[in-house]
Amino acid sequence: MGQWAPGMEAALVGRAEGARFSLDIPAAQAYGDRNPDLLQWVSRTVVEENAGAEAGFQPGDMVEFTAPNGARYAGVLKETGQDAMLFDFNHPLAGVDLHIDVSLLGVL
């Protein structure tokens, strides 16, 4: 249904209700490798437009932004500068190999 990473969903297809199993999924098949281009400085003006001038953020906070087309996306604040903030727009699990223990409770 597109709610999980493709490698995770593919491993579930054809499994019966009640099945129990483990999966090892490499990062590239889960949420992808980390992309250094997704570390971006965002002006404080843009942050304030999205969160309000009174919002206070600390490194590690996830901040949601609205794209010009109305889509929503989020980034994790990594560092603050005087006029801009550094955000990581990679998925939090990008670059991470996954080990998942599954117990299928039901099949839609």
Protein backbone atom coordinates (compact mmCIF):
# COMPACT_ATOMS: atom_id res chain seq x y z
CA MET A 1 0.00 0.00 0.00
CA GLY A 2 3.04 2.27 -0.02
CA GLN A 3 3.03 3.00 3.70
CA TRP A 4 6.36 1.29 4.40
CA ALA A 5 9.62 1.18 2.51
CA PRO A 6 9.37 -1.01 -0.63
CA GLY A 7 11.79 -3.64 0.71
CA MET A 8 9.72 -4.03 3.85
CA GLU A 9 6.41 -4.32 2.01
CA ALA A 10 7.80 -6.79 -0.54
CA ALA A 11 8.83 -9.13 2.28
CA LEU A 12 5.24 -9.19 3.58
CA VAL A 13 3.49 -10.05 0.30
CA GLY A 14 2.11 -13.58 0.27
CA ARG A 15 2.61 -14.16 4.01
CA ALA A 16 -0.25 -15.74 5.94
CA GLU A 17 -2.04 -14.24 8.91
CA GLY A 18 -0.36 -15.38 12.12
CA ALA A 19 3.05 -15.84 10.48
CA ARG A 20 6.12 -14.95 12.55
CA PHE A 21 9.48 -14.27 10.95
CA SER A 22 12.48 -11.95 10.93
CA LEU A 23 13.75 -9.75 8.12
CA ASP A 24 17.14 -8.19 7.46
CA ILE A 25 16.78 -5.31 5.02
CA PRO A 26 19.79 -3.33 3.80
CA ALA A 27 19.46 0.45 3.99
CA ALA A 28 19.28 0.81 0.19
CA GLN A 29 16.13 -1.37 0.12
CA ALA A 30 14.59 0.20 3.22
CA TYR A 31 14.76 4.00 3.46
CA GLY A 32 17.76 4.49 1.17
CA ASP A 33 21.26 5.67 1.79
CA ARG A 34 21.90 9.03 3.44
CA ASN A 35 22.08 11.86 0.93
CA PRO A 36 24.51 14.62 1.95
CA ASP A 37 22.64 17.05 -0.35
CA LEU A 38 19.68 16.80 2.06
CA LEU A 39 21.66 18.62 4.77
CA GLN A 40 20.59 22.20 4.05
CA TRP A 41 20.80 25.58 5.68
CA VAL A 42 17.39 27.26 5.99
CA SER A 43 17.07 30.95 6.76
CA ARG A 44 15.53 31.89 10.08
CA THR A 45 12.93 33.85 8.07
CA VAL A 46 11.70 30.66 6.39
CA VAL A 47 11.67 28.79 9.73
CA GLU A 48 9.65 31.61 11.31
CA GLU A 49 7.20 31.62 8.37
CA ASN A 50 6.53 27.92 8.99
CA ALA A 51 6.61 27.78 12.79
CA GLY A 52 6.04 31.31 14.03
CA ALA A 53 8.56 33.84 15.27
CA GLU A 54 8.14 32.78 18.91
CA ALA A 55 8.92 29.10 18.27
CA GLY A 56 12.13 27.95 19.91
CA PHE A 57 13.93 24.93 18.52
CA GLN A 58 16.83 22.90 19.86
CA PRO A 59 19.15 20.59 17.90
CA GLY A 60 17.39 17.24 17.49
CA ASP A 61 13.92 18.78 17.09
CA MET A 62 11.91 17.81 14.02
CA VAL A 63 10.43 20.82 12.24
CA GLU A 64 7.69 20.62 9.62
CA PHE A 65 7.73 22.86 6.53
CA THR A 66 5.22 23.58 3.77
CA ALA A 67 6.49 23.45 0.19
CA PRO A 68 5.21 25.98 -2.38
CA ASN A 69 2.92 23.24 -3.79
CA GLY A 70 1.34 22.73 -0.35
CA ALA A 71 3.11 19.44 0.40
CA ARG A 72 4.47 18.97 3.93
CA TYR A 73 7.97 17.78 4.71
CA ALA A 74 10.10 17.62 7.85
CA GLY A 75 13.72 18.04 8.79
CA VAL A 76 15.73 17.48 11.94
CA LEU A 77 17.50 20.55 13.26
CA LYS A 78 21.22 19.83 13.47
CA GLU A 79 22.78 23.22 14.17
CA THR A 80 21.80 26.87 14.55
CA GLY A 81 23.63 29.84 13.11
CA GLN A 82 22.98 33.54 13.47
CA ASP A 83 20.89 33.88 10.29
CA ALA A 84 20.12 30.26 9.38
CA MET A 85 19.62 26.76 10.75
CA LEU A 86 21.08 23.51 9.42
CA PHE A 87 18.44 20.82 8.82
CA ASP A 88 18.78 17.17 7.84
CA PHE A 89 15.94 16.30 5.45
CA ASN A 90 16.95 12.62 5.14
CA HIS A 91 14.47 10.09 6.49
CA PRO A 92 15.52 9.35 10.11
CA LEU A 93 16.22 5.70 9.13
CA ALA A 94 18.13 6.53 5.92
CA GLY A 95 21.47 4.75 5.89
CA VAL A 96 20.39 2.23 8.51
CA ASP A 97 20.30 -1.52 7.87
CA LEU A 98 17.13 -2.87 9.48
CA HIS A 99 16.44 -6.07 11.40
CA ILE A 100 12.70 -6.51 11.89
CA ASP A 101 10.84 -9.18 13.85
CA VAL A 102 7.33 -9.58 12.41
CA SER A 103 4.16 -11.12 13.77
CA LEU A 104 1.30 -10.70 11.29
CA LEU A 105 -1.84 -10.07 13.25
CA GLY A 106 -4.08 -9.76 10.21
CA VAL A 107 -4.11 -9.43 6.45
CA LEU A 108 -6.22 -6.83 4.67
